[in-house]
């Protein structure tokens, strides 16, 4: 389980970037409706 957590951290070195991606995704979903 520890290895998976480390991979996630390496995949997203910038938490802010990940948060921005989530926001864009939610906005696109709202527009799609």
N, C-alpha and C. Protein backbone atom coordinates (compact mmCIF):
# COMPACT_ATOMS: atom_id res chain seq x y z
N UNK A 1 0.84 -1.21 0.00
CA UNK A 1 0.00 0.00 0.00
C UNK A 1 0.87 1.26 0.00
N UNK A 2 2.00 1.19 0.66
CA UNK A 2 2.88 2.36 0.72
C UNK A 2 3.39 2.72 -0.67
N UNK A 3 3.68 1.69 -1.48
CA UNK A 3 4.20 1.94 -2.83
C UNK A 3 3.17 2.70 -3.66
N UNK A 4 1.90 2.34 -3.55
CA UNK A 4 0.86 3.02 -4.32
C UNK A 4 0.78 4.50 -3.93
N UNK A 5 0.86 4.78 -2.64
CA UNK A 5 0.79 6.17 -2.18
C UNK A 5 1.97 6.97 -2.74
N UNK A 6 3.15 6.38 -2.75
CA UNK A 6 4.33 7.07 -3.26
C UNK A 6 4.16 7.36 -4.75
N UNK A 7 3.61 6.41 -5.50
CA UNK A 7 3.41 6.61 -6.93
C UNK A 7 2.45 7.77 -7.17
N UNK A 8 1.40 7.86 -6.37
CA UNK A 8 0.43 8.95 -6.53
C UNK A 8 1.12 10.29 -6.30
N UNK A 9 1.97 10.35 -5.27
CA UNK A 9 2.66 11.60 -4.96
C UNK A 9 3.59 11.99 -6.12
N UNK A 10 4.28 10.99 -6.68
CA UNK A 10 5.19 11.26 -7.80
C UNK A 10 4.40 11.69 -9.03
N UNK A 11 3.24 11.10 -9.23
CA UNK A 11 2.44 11.41 -10.41
C UNK A 11 1.92 12.85 -10.33
N UNK A 12 1.64 13.34 -9.12
CA UNK A 12 1.12 14.70 -8.96
C UNK A 12 2.01 15.47 -7.98
N UNK A 13 3.14 15.98 -8.46
CA UNK A 13 4.06 16.71 -7.59
C UNK A 13 3.48 18.03 -7.12
N UNK A 14 2.51 18.55 -7.87
CA UNK A 14 1.90 19.83 -7.47
C UNK A 14 0.45 19.61 -7.08
N UNK A 15 0.13 19.63 -5.80
CA UNK A 15 -1.26 19.44 -5.34
C UNK A 15 -2.18 20.50 -5.93
N UNK A 16 -1.68 21.72 -6.09
CA UNK A 16 -2.49 22.80 -6.65
C UNK A 16 -2.93 22.48 -8.08
N UNK A 17 -2.00 21.89 -8.85
CA UNK A 17 -2.32 21.53 -10.23
C UNK A 17 -3.44 20.48 -10.24
N UNK A 18 -3.36 19.54 -9.33
CA UNK A 18 -4.37 18.49 -9.26
C UNK A 18 -5.72 19.11 -8.89
N UNK A 19 -5.72 20.04 -7.96
CA UNK A 19 -6.97 20.70 -7.55
C UNK A 19 -7.56 21.46 -8.73
N UNK A 20 -6.70 22.10 -9.51
CA UNK A 20 -7.18 22.84 -10.68
C UNK A 20 -7.82 21.90 -11.68
N UNK A 21 -7.22 20.72 -11.84
CA UNK A 21 -7.76 19.73 -12.78
C UNK A 21 -9.15 19.29 -12.32
N UNK A 22 -9.30 19.08 -11.01
CA UNK A 22 -10.61 18.66 -10.47
C UNK A 22 -11.64 19.75 -10.73
N UNK A 23 -11.26 21.01 -10.51
CA UNK A 23 -12.19 22.12 -10.71
C UNK A 23 -12.63 22.17 -12.17
N UNK A 24 -11.67 22.07 -13.08
CA UNK A 24 -12.00 22.11 -14.51
C UNK A 24 -12.92 20.96 -14.88
N UNK A 25 -12.68 19.79 -14.29
CA UNK A 25 -13.50 18.63 -14.58
C UNK A 25 -14.94 18.86 -14.11
N UNK A 26 -15.09 19.40 -12.89
CA UNK A 26 -16.43 19.66 -12.36
C UNK A 26 -17.15 20.69 -13.22
N UNK A 27 -16.44 21.71 -13.65
CA UNK A 27 -17.06 22.76 -14.48
C UNK A 27 -17.51 22.16 -15.80
N UNK A 28 -16.67 21.34 -16.42
CA UNK A 28 -17.03 20.73 -17.71
C UNK A 28 -18.25 19.83 -17.54
N UNK A 29 -18.34 19.14 -16.41
CA UNK A 29 -19.49 18.26 -16.17
C UNK A 29 -20.76 19.09 -16.04
N UNK A 30 -20.66 20.23 -15.37
CA UNK A 30 -21.85 21.09 -15.20
C UNK A 30 -22.29 21.64 -16.55
N UNK A 31 -21.33 22.03 -17.38
CA UNK A 31 -21.68 22.58 -18.70
C UNK A 31 -22.28 21.49 -19.58
N UNK A 32 -21.85 20.26 -19.41
CA UNK A 32 -22.33 19.16 -20.24
C UNK A 32 -23.81 18.88 -19.95
N UNK A 33 -24.25 19.20 -18.74
CA UNK A 33 -25.65 18.89 -18.39
C UNK A 33 -26.61 19.82 -19.12
